[in-house]
Amino acid sequence: MTTGTTGTADDAPLLAMQPPFRAFFDDPRWALAIIRATVLEAAHPQIGAALADNSTFVAHPWRRLRNTFLSMRRMFDADPAVRDREAARLNRLHARMSGSDSRGRAYDAMDRATRAWVVATLFESAVTMCRLSGQPLDQATMERLYGEYRAFLAALDGDAGELPEDLNDFWRYFDRVVEDELENTEAARLILYRLFDHLPAPALLDGMPALWAAGRAVVGPLLGAITVASLPEPYRRKAGLAEMPGTPTLMQGAYLAAGLTRFLPEGWINAETIIETLSLSPDSDDPRARTVTALRARMKQASALLRLLTPLSGDAGPGPDPATSQGTGGGQRSAEEFFRQVLDQTGDGYLDWPDLAAMARELATRLDLDEPEETRLYDAFAAWWRELQAALDTDGDGRVSADEYAAAVPSLAGPALIRVAEVLFDATDKDGSGTINAEEHRALFRTAFHRDITVTDGTYGRSAFVGDFLAFMAGQRRNTAYDALLADA
């Protein structure tokens, strides 16, 4: 795979070096910059349509954040085999995303000009991040960084030529796209106005609605205001995004404060550890679960105190009962809860193919499936969707509503879903023995799902595996290994 080079013929491929970009991974400023870049991506009509139709960022933003972060780390890994494998996975993922937006305009996630814009927003937001935090990049560093991003685009089988070779020409390209192509898309509005206001709690804070609602009520509007103030002025004007008085100062202060973390001792901030910890549930078999459990106990005390002092938990609902939602074995979800938490992966209120494709994508990613196994999994989910559509889509609109699902819940676990479970079993049973041994068990449930299961003879048979998966997907059981993949926010 071509990764692209700059400079003389003796230069090493840029992605094989230790790029400055990798330093951003554990930089708190990058959290602000990546939100800004995502809005600029979503404002592109092709990307916005693809996000609205296929992305899980509304219903499962924390899971989407984790996956995006880990993917970017793999794409800038020092090992070329890791980079190539991740690039191939991303290309297969995007090749499955195409369609049309609400105005009938076609979109294709493999469109080269569109992929170039994604990379352009990441680079421009990195430069803006440094400038706003009082650490502007010098010209040489900026050019080196730009070369890395062009190489990143080439590594994705994109055309690096879609981005100007010269950095000065890039700025003209960026301004032209902002002026002529970006729109006030539904996806951009969702990120700016719905996501921040209704952001679900990460697993760490699940079940403490008062504490989460109080924090979100303060942080959500601040993040929205900071993001809007940091966007290019021509786009703000075109999209009608009003800049509230004082927000430029607030934005500058946020970036400056985040930039001060450079004075902390090295290793104090590790983004991967933070993201993984937020994703852990107290009943996880992960070694960090004890710390998480102790932290949750303190947070529950704070939440209880806050509930006495303020009614802020109103829009968050009463929250799940820990006795039923977190206890071993758990209980049965209601049809409405299962539809919202598991089936409606895109958060649009309906079950259709993009929701099942998102499930297949999450399972394939977490299990690190190779192309043949991944294709089998997608094919099995596609067959399941045809089965569901035939059984549940009573009004023939091509999708399944929550009411249609609730009226025919038993139809969910049909033969096609059994094939999905069998594909997962075969992908886990690496030695083809017909059982999942201790090593395979650790790889599947501990490494991929952060969960453990109880087996009496040290193995997990096909029938037990299929039965457990069907019980989860039929909404019969909560708090299983699969919650970490398909139900957690």
Protein backbone atom coordinates (compact mmCIF):
# COMPACT_ATOMS: atom_id res chain seq x y z
CA MET A 1 0.00 0.00 0.00
CA THR A 2 1.38 3.38 -0.95
CA THR A 3 1.79 5.73 2.00
CA GLY A 4 3.30 8.65 0.13
CA THR A 5 6.54 10.56 0.68
CA THR A 6 7.75 14.13 0.60
CA GLY A 7 11.18 15.61 0.08
CA THR A 8 13.95 13.61 -1.55
CA ALA A 9 13.77 10.05 -2.79
CA ASP A 10 15.81 8.94 0.23
CA ASP A 11 13.18 10.15 2.71
CA ALA A 12 11.33 7.46 4.71
CA PRO A 13 7.57 7.16 4.33
CA LEU A 14 6.02 9.71 6.64
CA LEU A 15 3.72 7.28 8.40
CA ALA A 16 6.74 5.12 9.26
CA MET A 17 8.28 7.96 11.30
CA GLN A 18 7.33 9.20 14.74
CA PRO A 19 4.97 11.96 13.57
CA PRO A 20 4.11 15.04 15.64
CA PHE A 21 0.47 14.09 15.23
CA ARG A 22 0.89 11.13 17.59
CA ALA A 23 1.65 13.60 20.39
CA PHE A 24 -1.93 14.90 20.06
CA PHE A 25 -3.48 11.63 21.25
CA ASP A 26 -2.87 12.37 24.92
CA ASP A 27 -3.36 16.14 24.56
CA PRO A 28 -6.59 17.44 26.16
CA ARG A 29 -6.74 20.18 23.52
CA TRP A 30 -7.39 17.49 20.93
CA ALA A 31 -10.77 16.73 22.53
CA LEU A 32 -11.92 20.26 21.64
CA ALA A 33 -10.30 20.13 18.20
CA ILE A 34 -11.83 16.79 17.22
CA ILE A 35 -15.34 18.05 18.01
CA ARG A 36 -14.66 21.07 15.81
CA ALA A 37 -13.31 18.86 13.00
CA THR A 38 -16.34 16.57 13.25
CA VAL A 39 -18.72 19.51 12.80
CA LEU A 40 -16.79 20.66 9.72
CA GLU A 41 -16.96 17.12 8.34
CA ALA A 42 -20.67 16.83 9.07
CA ALA A 43 -21.29 20.18 7.33
CA HIS A 44 -20.18 18.64 4.04
CA PRO A 45 -23.42 17.38 2.40
CA GLN A 46 -22.01 13.96 1.44
CA ILE A 47 -20.44 13.31 4.82
CA GLY A 48 -23.43 14.73 6.67
CA ALA A 49 -25.81 12.40 4.82
CA ALA A 50 -23.59 9.38 5.48
CA LEU A 51 -23.39 10.27 9.18
CA ALA A 52 -27.14 10.81 9.50
CA ASP A 53 -27.91 7.47 7.84
CA ASN A 54 -25.18 5.22 9.22
CA SER A 55 -23.44 6.65 12.26
CA THR A 56 -24.07 5.71 15.87
CA PHE A 57 -22.77 9.01 17.26
CA VAL A 58 -26.21 10.12 18.50
CA ALA A 59 -27.22 6.97 20.38
CA HIS A 60 -23.74 5.68 21.26
CA PRO A 61 -21.36 8.66 21.27
CA TRP A 62 -18.91 7.26 23.83
CA ARG A 63 -18.53 4.03 21.91
CA ARG A 64 -18.04 6.00 18.69
CA LEU A 65 -15.41 8.16 20.41
CA ARG A 66 -13.53 5.10 21.62
CA ASN A 67 -13.57 3.43 18.22
CA THR A 68 -12.45 6.59 16.40
CA PHE A 69 -9.62 7.18 18.85
CA LEU A 70 -8.33 3.61 18.63
CA SER A 71 -8.59 3.63 14.85
CA MET A 72 -6.54 6.82 14.57
CA ARG A 73 -3.92 5.36 16.90
CA ARG A 74 -3.63 2.27 14.73
CA MET A 75 -3.38 4.38 11.57
CA PHE A 76 -0.38 6.20 13.05
CA ASP A 77 1.19 3.12 14.65
CA ALA A 78 4.92 2.56 14.20
CA ASP A 79 4.26 -0.96 12.82
CA PRO A 80 3.36 -0.82 9.09
CA ALA A 81 1.42 -4.09 9.38
CA VAL A 82 -0.88 -2.50 11.98
CA ARG A 83 -1.39 0.55 9.76
CA ASP A 84 -2.13 -1.51 6.65
CA ARG A 85 -4.58 -3.77 8.47
CA GLU A 86 -6.49 -0.79 9.89
CA ALA A 87 -6.54 0.98 6.53
CA ALA A 88 -8.00 -2.13 4.89
CA ARG A 89 -10.64 -2.39 7.62
CA LEU A 90 -11.64 1.26 7.21
CA ASN A 91 -11.88 0.89 3.46
CA ARG A 92 -14.16 -2.14 3.80
CA LEU A 93 -16.29 -0.23 6.32
CA HIS A 94 -16.67 2.84 4.09
CA ALA A 95 -17.29 0.79 0.95
CA ARG A 96 -20.54 -0.36 2.54
CA MET A 97 -21.83 3.20 3.02
CA SER A 98 -23.66 4.81 0.12
CA GLY A 99 -27.11 6.21 -0.52
CA SER A 100 -28.82 9.55 -1.00
CA ASP A 101 -29.70 12.47 1.24
CA SER A 102 -33.10 14.05 1.89
CA ARG A 103 -32.74 16.10 -1.31
CA GLY A 104 -32.01 13.06 -3.45
CA ARG A 105 -28.28 13.77 -3.81
CA ALA A 106 -26.12 10.65 -3.89
CA TYR A 107 -23.37 10.08 -1.37
CA ASP A 108 -20.55 7.54 -1.32
CA ALA A 109 -18.19 7.18 1.63
CA MET A 110 -15.42 6.08 -0.77
CA ASP A 111 -15.60 9.28 -2.82
CA ARG A 112 -12.02 10.54 -2.99
CA ALA A 113 -12.75 14.25 -2.79
CA THR A 114 -14.98 13.68 0.22
CA ARG A 115 -12.35 11.58 2.01
CA ALA A 116 -9.83 14.33 1.34
CA TRP A 117 -12.10 16.82 3.11
CA VAL A 118 -12.18 14.60 6.22
CA VAL A 119 -8.38 14.64 6.36
CA ALA A 120 -8.34 18.38 5.64
CA THR A 121 -10.57 19.13 8.63
CA LEU A 122 -8.33 17.10 10.93
CA PHE A 123 -5.21 18.95 9.79
CA GLU A 124 -6.79 22.40 9.88
CA SER A 125 -8.31 21.76 13.32
CA ALA A 126 -4.91 20.62 14.65
CA VAL A 127 -3.31 23.85 13.42
CA THR A 128 -6.19 25.92 14.83
CA MET A 129 -5.96 24.08 18.14
CA CYS A 130 -2.31 25.04 18.55
CA ARG A 131 -2.96 28.64 17.55
CA LEU A 132 -5.91 29.12 19.92
CA SER A 133 -3.96 27.67 22.83
CA GLY A 134 -1.10 30.12 22.39
CA GLN A 135 1.30 27.60 20.82
CA PRO A 136 1.12 28.30 17.08
CA LEU A 137 3.07 25.92 14.86
CA ASP A 138 6.05 27.28 12.99
CA GLN A 139 6.06 26.94 9.21
CA ALA A 140 8.42 23.96 9.11
CA THR A 141 6.41 21.96 11.66
CA MET A 142 3.16 22.85 9.91
CA GLU A 143 4.50 21.64 6.58
CA ARG A 144 5.76 18.41 8.14
CA LEU A 145 2.38 17.85 9.76
CA TYR A 146 0.59 18.56 6.49
CA GLY A 147 2.77 15.98 4.78
CA GLU A 148 1.75 13.41 7.37
CA TYR A 149 -1.92 14.05 6.74
CA ARG A 150 -1.48 13.72 2.97
CA ALA A 151 0.34 10.44 3.60
CA PHE A 152 -2.52 9.39 5.88
CA LEU A 153 -4.95 10.01 3.03
CA ALA A 154 -2.79 7.97 0.64
CA ALA A 155 -2.60 5.13 3.18
CA LEU A 156 -6.40 4.91 3.06
CA ASP A 157 -6.20 4.19 -0.67
CA GLY A 158 -7.30 7.75 -1.22
CA ASP A 159 -5.72 10.12 -3.69
CA ALA A 160 -3.29 12.43 -1.89
CA GLY A 161 -3.53 14.64 -4.96
CA GLU A 162 -7.05 15.57 -3.86
CA LEU A 163 -5.27 17.79 -1.32
CA PRO A 164 -2.94 20.46 -2.75
CA GLU A 165 0.72 19.54 -2.52
CA ASP A 166 1.73 23.00 -1.39
CA LEU A 167 0.60 24.16 2.05
CA ASN A 168 -0.20 27.69 0.83
CA ASP A 169 -2.50 26.20 -1.81
CA PHE A 170 -4.17 24.13 0.92
CA TRP A 171 -5.46 27.22 2.69
CA ARG A 172 -7.05 28.46 -0.53
CA TYR A 173 -8.60 24.99 -1.03
CA PHE A 174 -9.94 24.96 2.53
CA ASP A 175 -11.51 28.42 2.24
CA ARG A 176 -13.11 27.49 -1.10
CA VAL A 177 -14.78 24.36 0.31
CA VAL A 178 -16.04 26.27 3.35
CA GLU A 179 -17.48 29.02 1.15
CA ASP A 180 -18.89 26.94 -1.71
CA GLU A 181 -19.67 23.44 -0.43
CA LEU A 182 -20.45 23.34 3.28
CA GLU A 183 -24.09 23.51 4.40
CA ASN A 184 -26.11 23.68 7.58
CA THR A 185 -26.71 19.91 7.43
CA GLU A 186 -28.89 17.86 9.73
CA ALA A 187 -25.80 16.02 11.02
CA ALA A 188 -24.03 19.28 11.93
CA ARG A 189 -27.14 20.52 13.76
CA LEU A 190 -27.42 17.22 15.63
CA ILE A 191 -23.85 17.50 16.89
CA LEU A 192 -24.13 21.13 17.94
CA TYR A 193 -27.61 21.14 19.45
CA ARG A 194 -28.86 17.64 20.23
CA LEU A 195 -25.71 15.72 21.11
CA PHE A 196 -24.41 18.16 23.72
CA ASP A 197 -27.84 18.72 25.27
CA HIS A 198 -28.84 15.04 25.40
CA LEU A 199 -25.48 13.30 25.69
CA PRO A 200 -26.09 9.94 27.41
CA ALA A 201 -24.00 9.04 30.41
CA PRO A 202 -20.94 6.85 29.86
CA ALA A 203 -20.99 3.45 31.54
CA LEU A 204 -19.10 4.85 34.53
CA LEU A 205 -21.97 7.23 35.35
CA ASP A 206 -24.87 5.04 34.24
CA GLY A 207 -27.64 4.94 36.84
CA MET A 208 -26.84 8.35 38.36
CA PRO A 209 -29.07 10.68 36.35
CA ALA A 210 -29.01 13.59 38.80
CA LEU A 211 -25.22 13.84 38.84
CA TRP A 212 -24.95 13.41 35.07
CA ALA A 213 -27.75 15.87 34.29
CA ALA A 214 -26.19 18.51 36.55
CA GLY A 215 -22.80 18.20 34.88
CA ARG A 216 -24.27 18.05 31.39
CA ALA A 217 -26.42 21.14 32.04
CA VAL A 218 -23.22 23.13 32.60
CA VAL A 219 -20.70 21.47 30.28
CA GLY A 220 -23.01 20.82 27.32
CA PRO A 221 -23.82 24.45 26.47
CA LEU A 222 -20.20 25.44 27.11
CA LEU A 223 -18.91 22.84 24.65
CA GLY A 224 -21.47 23.93 22.09
CA ALA A 225 -20.57 27.60 22.48
CA ILE A 226 -16.83 26.91 22.32
CA THR A 227 -17.24 24.80 19.20
CA VAL A 228 -19.38 27.36 17.39
CA ALA A 229 -16.97 30.18 18.25
CA SER A 230 -14.03 28.18 16.87
CA LEU A 231 -15.65 27.47 13.47
CA PRO A 232 -14.61 29.51 10.41
CA GLU A 233 -16.58 32.76 10.29
CA PRO A 234 -17.84 32.20 6.70
CA TYR A 235 -19.44 28.92 7.76
CA ARG A 236 -20.98 30.42 10.89
CA ARG A 237 -22.52 33.14 8.73
CA LYS A 238 -23.80 30.70 6.11
CA ALA A 239 -25.27 28.31 8.71
CA GLY A 240 -26.79 31.10 10.80
CA LEU A 241 -24.81 30.13 13.90
CA ALA A 242 -25.06 33.04 16.28
CA GLU A 243 -21.99 33.82 18.36
CA MET A 244 -23.02 34.76 21.87
CA PRO A 245 -21.27 37.71 23.54
CA GLY A 246 -18.17 36.60 25.37
CA THR A 247 -17.85 33.22 23.64
CA PRO A 248 -14.59 34.08 21.81
CA THR A 249 -13.01 34.80 25.19
CA LEU A 250 -14.50 31.62 26.62
CA MET A 251 -13.16 29.62 23.67
CA GLN A 252 -9.69 31.13 24.00
CA GLY A 253 -9.68 30.41 27.73
CA ALA A 254 -10.72 26.79 27.20
CA TYR A 255 -7.93 26.15 24.71
CA LEU A 256 -5.36 28.00 26.83
CA ALA A 257 -6.36 26.04 29.95
CA ALA A 258 -6.13 22.75 28.06
CA GLY A 259 -2.74 23.82 26.69
CA LEU A 260 -1.38 24.28 30.22
CA THR A 261 -1.45 20.51 30.65
CA ARG A 262 1.89 20.43 28.79
CA PHE A 263 3.44 21.28 32.18
CA LEU A 264 2.12 18.08 33.77
CA PRO A 265 4.57 15.19 34.19
CA GLU A 266 4.74 12.89 31.18
CA GLY A 267 2.27 10.02 31.38
CA TRP A 268 -0.18 11.73 33.71
CA ILE A 269 -2.75 12.01 30.93
CA ASN A 270 -3.40 8.90 28.88
CA ALA A 271 -6.40 9.29 26.60
CA GLU A 272 -6.80 5.57 25.95
CA THR A 273 -6.93 4.78 29.67
CA ILE A 274 -9.48 7.55 30.27
CA ILE A 275 -11.72 6.40 27.42
CA GLU A 276 -11.50 2.74 28.45
CA THR A 277 -12.29 3.60 32.08
CA LEU A 278 -15.37 5.60 31.08
CA SER A 279 -16.54 2.55 29.10
CA LEU A 280 -16.18 0.10 32.00
CA SER A 281 -19.13 -1.14 34.03
CA PRO A 282 -18.64 -2.13 37.68
CA ASP A 283 -19.38 -5.80 36.91
CA SER A 284 -16.68 -5.90 34.22
CA ASP A 285 -13.98 -8.51 34.61
CA ASP A 286 -11.39 -5.89 33.70
CA PRO A 287 -8.73 -5.47 36.44
CA ARG A 288 -9.67 -1.80 36.75
CA ALA A 289 -13.23 -2.72 37.76
CA ARG A 290 -12.48 -2.47 41.49
CA THR A 291 -11.36 1.12 41.10
CA VAL A 292 -14.41 1.86 38.97
CA THR A 293 -16.72 0.28 41.54
CA ALA A 294 -15.25 2.38 44.35
CA LEU A 295 -15.52 5.50 42.21
CA ARG A 296 -19.15 4.73 41.37
CA ALA A 297 -19.95 4.34 45.09
CA ARG A 298 -18.60 7.83 45.75
CA MET A 299 -20.46 9.23 42.75
CA LYS A 300 -23.72 7.64 43.89
CA GLN A 301 -23.33 9.38 47.23
CA ALA A 302 -22.80 12.68 45.43
CA SER A 303 -25.76 11.95 43.17
CA ALA A 304 -28.02 11.20 46.13
CA LEU A 305 -26.99 14.45 47.81
CA LEU A 306 -27.53 16.39 44.61
CA ARG A 307 -31.00 14.89 44.19
CA LEU A 308 -31.93 16.33 47.57
CA LEU A 309 -30.69 19.77 46.61
CA THR A 310 -31.87 20.18 43.01
CA PRO A 311 -34.50 18.79 40.62
CA LEU A 312 -32.01 18.72 37.71
CA SER A 313 -32.61 15.05 37.03
CA GLY A 314 -35.88 15.85 35.26
CA ASP A 315 -35.07 15.11 31.60
CA ALA A 316 -32.75 12.25 32.46
CA GLY A 317 -35.53 10.07 33.84
CA PRO A 318 -35.40 7.98 36.99
CA GLY A 319 -32.53 5.85 35.70
CA PRO A 320 -32.23 2.09 35.94
CA ASP A 321 -32.50 0.36 39.25
CA PRO A 322 -29.04 -0.90 40.18
CA ALA A 323 -30.60 -4.00 41.63
CA THR A 324 -31.93 -5.01 38.24
CA SER A 325 -29.63 -3.32 35.74
CA GLN A 326 -26.26 -4.00 37.32
CA GLY A 327 -26.74 -7.17 39.28
CA THR A 328 -25.31 -10.45 38.07
CA GLY A 329 -27.72 -12.05 35.67
CA GLY A 330 -29.85 -8.89 35.61
CA GLY A 331 -33.43 -9.04 34.44
CA GLN A 332 -35.44 -8.75 31.27
CA ARG A 333 -35.51 -5.46 29.41
CA SER A 334 -38.80 -3.97 28.38
CA ALA A 335 -39.49 -3.97 24.64
CA GLU A 336 -39.15 -0.18 24.54
CA GLU A 337 -35.86 -0.23 26.43
CA PHE A 338 -34.36 -2.97 24.26
CA PHE A 339 -35.45 -1.23 21.06
CA ARG A 340 -33.86 2.04 22.18
CA GLN A 341 -30.68 0.67 23.74
CA VAL A 342 -29.80 -2.15 21.34
CA LEU A 343 -31.77 -2.23 18.10
CA ASP A 344 -31.90 1.48 17.22
CA GLN A 345 -28.15 1.91 16.90
CA THR A 346 -28.38 5.14 14.88
CA GLY A 347 -30.85 6.79 17.26
CA ASP A 348 -33.40 7.81 14.61
CA GLY A 349 -36.32 6.02 16.29
CA TYR A 350 -36.52 3.17 13.73
CA LEU A 351 -34.90 -0.18 13.03
CA ASP A 352 -33.55 -0.58 9.52
CA TRP A 353 -30.48 -1.89 7.73
CA PRO A 354 -28.02 0.80 8.94
CA ASP A 355 -28.79 -0.25 12.52
CA LEU A 356 -27.93 -3.88 11.86
CA ALA A 357 -24.90 -2.86 9.79
CA ALA A 358 -23.72 -0.85 12.81
CA MET A 359 -24.05 -3.98 14.98
CA ALA A 360 -22.03 -5.99 12.47
CA ARG A 361 -19.44 -3.23 12.27
CA GLU A 362 -19.06 -3.05 16.06
CA LEU A 363 -18.74 -6.81 16.45
CA ALA A 364 -16.27 -7.12 13.57
CA THR A 365 -14.18 -4.24 14.92
CA ARG A 366 -14.05 -5.43 18.52
CA LEU A 367 -13.27 -9.01 17.46
CA ASP A 368 -10.73 -7.78 14.86
CA LEU A 369 -12.15 -10.05 12.17
CA ASP A 370 -10.34 -10.67 8.90
CA GLU A 371 -12.08 -9.89 5.62
CA PRO A 372 -13.67 -13.35 4.99
CA GLU A 373 -15.08 -13.57 8.52
CA GLU A 374 -16.23 -9.96 8.40
CA THR A 375 -18.06 -10.56 5.11
CA ARG A 376 -19.77 -13.66 6.53
CA LEU A 377 -20.91 -11.61 9.52
CA TYR A 378 -22.33 -8.80 7.37
CA ASP A 379 -24.06 -11.33 5.11
CA ALA A 380 -25.62 -12.99 8.17
CA PHE A 381 -26.88 -9.65 9.47
CA ALA A 382 -28.23 -8.78 6.01
CA ALA A 383 -30.20 -12.03 5.99
CA TRP A 384 -31.49 -11.23 9.46
CA TRP A 385 -32.63 -7.80 8.28
CA ARG A 386 -34.59 -9.35 5.40
CA GLU A 387 -36.20 -11.72 7.88
CA LEU A 388 -37.08 -8.90 10.27
CA GLN A 389 -38.45 -6.70 7.51
CA ALA A 390 -40.72 -9.47 6.28
CA ALA A 391 -41.99 -10.25 9.78
CA LEU A 392 -42.22 -6.82 11.42
CA ASP A 393 -42.61 -4.11 8.77
CA THR A 394 -46.40 -4.19 8.74
CA ASP A 395 -46.90 -0.80 7.04
CA GLY A 396 -44.36 -1.52 4.27
CA ASP A 397 -42.32 1.65 4.71
CA GLY A 398 -39.01 -0.25 4.63
CA ARG A 399 -38.24 0.12 8.33
CA VAL A 400 -39.51 -1.14 11.68
CA SER A 401 -40.95 1.27 14.24
CA ALA A 402 -40.83 0.75 17.99
CA ASP A 403 -44.57 -0.06 17.95
CA GLU A 404 -44.16 -2.64 15.17
CA TYR A 405 -41.34 -4.25 17.11
CA ALA A 406 -43.26 -4.33 20.41
CA ALA A 407 -46.21 -6.00 18.68
CA ALA A 408 -44.14 -8.93 17.42
CA VAL A 409 -41.16 -9.36 19.74
CA PRO A 410 -41.02 -13.18 19.45
CA SER A 411 -40.32 -12.86 15.71
CA LEU A 412 -36.95 -11.28 16.42
CA ALA A 413 -35.00 -14.49 17.04
CA GLY A 414 -35.42 -16.41 13.78
CA PRO A 415 -33.14 -18.71 11.77
CA ALA A 416 -31.11 -15.82 10.35
CA LEU A 417 -30.18 -14.59 13.84
CA ILE A 418 -28.98 -18.11 14.64
CA ARG A 419 -26.65 -17.83 11.64
CA VAL A 420 -25.31 -14.54 13.03
CA ALA A 421 -24.50 -16.27 16.33
CA GLU A 422 -22.87 -19.18 14.51
CA VAL A 423 -20.65 -16.83 12.52
CA LEU A 424 -19.52 -15.22 15.77
CA PHE A 425 -18.88 -18.63 17.30
CA ASP A 426 -16.82 -19.78 14.31
CA ALA A 427 -14.81 -16.55 14.42
CA THR A 428 -14.02 -17.19 18.07
CA ASP A 429 -13.35 -20.93 17.75
CA LYS A 430 -9.95 -20.38 16.14
CA ASP A 431 -8.85 -24.02 16.27
CA GLY A 432 -12.13 -25.36 14.87
CA SER A 433 -12.64 -27.71 17.81
CA GLY A 434 -16.34 -26.97 18.16
CA THR A 435 -15.84 -25.42 21.57
CA ILE A 436 -14.34 -22.18 22.87
CA ASN A 437 -11.39 -23.09 25.06
CA ALA A 438 -9.91 -21.03 27.87
CA GLU A 439 -7.58 -19.06 25.61
CA GLU A 440 -10.31 -18.30 23.06
CA HIS A 441 -12.65 -17.46 25.92
CA ARG A 442 -10.23 -14.83 27.23
CA ALA A 443 -9.76 -13.36 23.75
CA LEU A 444 -13.50 -13.02 23.20
CA PHE A 445 -14.99 -12.06 26.52
CA ARG A 446 -12.13 -10.53 28.50
CA THR A 447 -10.26 -8.72 25.74
CA ALA A 448 -13.10 -7.81 23.38
CA PHE A 449 -16.07 -7.47 25.74
CA HIS A 450 -14.45 -6.71 29.14
CA ARG A 451 -16.70 -9.39 30.61
CA ASP A 452 -16.39 -12.93 31.95
CA ILE A 453 -18.72 -15.92 31.73
CA THR A 454 -19.15 -18.94 33.94
CA VAL A 455 -18.45 -22.31 32.34
CA THR A 456 -18.44 -25.50 34.38
CA ASP A 457 -16.01 -27.57 32.30
CA GLY A 458 -13.65 -24.85 31.09
CA THR A 459 -15.17 -24.70 27.61
CA TYR A 460 -18.07 -22.91 25.97
CA GLY A 461 -20.03 -25.05 23.51
CA ARG A 462 -21.73 -23.91 20.31
CA SER A 463 -25.26 -24.44 21.61
CA ALA A 464 -24.61 -22.52 24.84
CA PHE A 465 -22.97 -19.67 22.90
CA VAL A 466 -25.83 -19.44 20.39
CA GLY A 467 -28.40 -19.67 23.16
CA ASP A 468 -26.84 -16.84 25.16
CA PHE A 469 -26.55 -14.62 22.08
CA LEU A 470 -30.18 -15.27 21.09
CA ALA A 471 -31.34 -14.56 24.65
CA PHE A 472 -29.61 -11.17 24.51
CA MET A 473 -30.79 -10.24 21.01
CA ALA A 474 -34.35 -11.26 21.84
CA GLY A 475 -34.29 -8.82 24.76
CA GLN A 476 -34.68 -11.64 27.25
CA ARG A 477 -31.59 -10.87 29.27
CA ARG A 478 -29.79 -7.71 30.35
CA ASN A 479 -26.27 -7.25 31.66
CA THR A 480 -24.64 -9.87 29.45
CA ALA A 481 -21.27 -9.78 27.71
CA TYR A 482 -22.90 -8.19 24.68
CA ASP A 483 -24.13 -5.11 26.55
CA ALA A 484 -20.61 -3.71 26.34
CA LEU A 485 -20.80 -3.77 22.54
CA LEU A 486 -24.38 -3.05 21.60
CA ALA A 487 -26.17 -1.45 24.56
CA ASP A 488 -23.64 0.85 26.25
CA ALA A 489 -23.63 4.49 25.17
